[in-house]
Amino acid sequence: MAGVPHGFEYVQHGDRVEIRHHGRLAATLRKAAAVAFLDDVERGDPQHVMARVTGNYKRGNERSTPHRP
């Protein structure tokens, strides 16, 4: 299925969470944001949660294949 996020992973370091996308650091969450993120990961699809948090997801207005004359 196209558009499904993949390649995300996260590592928890105390009160800090690092989110990586294909091995590169995409975001670092601290304190309350990290706790909220971990709660969301427990309840939903972790790949979608990480894509949403990092802003790396389709918003619905992108074209799948650009057509340029």
Protein backbone atom coordinates (compact mmCIF):
# COMPACT_ATOMS: atom_id res chain seq x y z
CA MET A 1 0.00 0.00 0.00
CA ALA A 2 1.48 3.32 -1.06
CA GLY A 3 1.78 6.12 1.46
CA VAL A 4 2.21 3.89 4.50
CA PRO A 5 5.06 5.22 6.64
CA HIS A 6 8.03 2.94 7.21
CA GLY A 7 11.66 3.14 8.25
CA PHE A 8 11.02 4.82 11.59
CA GLU A 9 12.44 3.66 14.91
CA TYR A 10 12.76 5.21 18.33
CA VAL A 11 15.07 4.84 21.31
CA GLN A 12 14.26 5.92 24.84
CA HIS A 13 17.04 7.47 26.94
CA GLY A 14 15.62 8.30 30.38
CA ASP A 15 13.17 11.19 29.88
CA ARG A 16 14.25 11.67 26.25
CA VAL A 17 13.08 9.86 23.09
CA GLU A 18 15.03 9.96 19.82
CA ILE A 19 13.13 9.20 16.63
CA ARG A 20 15.14 8.07 13.62
CA HIS A 21 14.07 7.69 10.01
CA HIS A 22 16.22 5.31 7.97
CA GLY A 23 18.97 5.66 10.57
CA ARG A 24 19.07 9.47 10.62
CA LEU A 25 17.90 11.51 13.59
CA ALA A 26 14.50 13.04 12.75
CA ALA A 27 13.34 14.36 16.13
CA THR A 28 14.16 14.42 19.82
CA LEU A 29 11.34 14.58 22.34
CA ARG A 30 11.86 15.50 25.98
CA LYS A 31 9.86 15.24 29.19
CA ALA A 32 6.07 15.66 28.69
CA ALA A 33 6.31 15.37 24.88
CA ALA A 34 8.23 12.10 25.23
CA VAL A 35 5.67 10.70 27.68
CA ALA A 36 2.77 11.67 25.39
CA PHE A 37 4.58 10.10 22.41
CA LEU A 38 5.15 6.81 24.26
CA ASP A 39 1.45 6.72 25.23
CA ASP A 40 0.44 7.29 21.58
CA VAL A 41 2.80 4.53 20.41
CA GLU A 42 1.22 2.11 22.90
CA ARG A 43 -2.29 2.88 21.60
CA GLY A 44 -1.71 3.20 17.85
CA ASP A 45 0.48 2.25 14.91
CA PRO A 46 4.03 3.26 15.89
CA GLN A 47 5.06 4.06 12.30
CA HIS A 48 2.14 6.46 11.85
CA VAL A 49 2.74 8.09 15.23
CA MET A 50 6.43 8.67 14.45
CA ALA A 51 5.60 10.02 10.97
CA ARG A 52 3.06 12.42 12.46
CA VAL A 53 5.45 13.63 15.18
CA THR A 54 8.30 14.26 12.72
CA GLY A 55 6.03 15.86 10.11
CA ASN A 56 7.17 13.26 7.57
CA TYR A 57 3.83 12.14 6.18
CA LYS A 58 1.51 12.99 3.32
CA ARG A 59 -1.05 15.67 3.99
CA GLY A 60 -3.42 14.63 1.20
CA ASN A 61 -2.63 17.35 -1.30
CA GLU A 62 0.51 15.85 -2.86
CA ARG A 63 0.34 14.20 -6.23
CA SER A 64 1.65 10.68 -6.44
CA THR A 65 3.29 11.31 -9.84
CA PRO A 66 4.21 14.82 -10.80
CA HIS A 67 3.13 15.70 -14.33
CA ARG A 68 5.23 18.46 -15.75
CA PRO A 69 5.06 19.48 -19.40
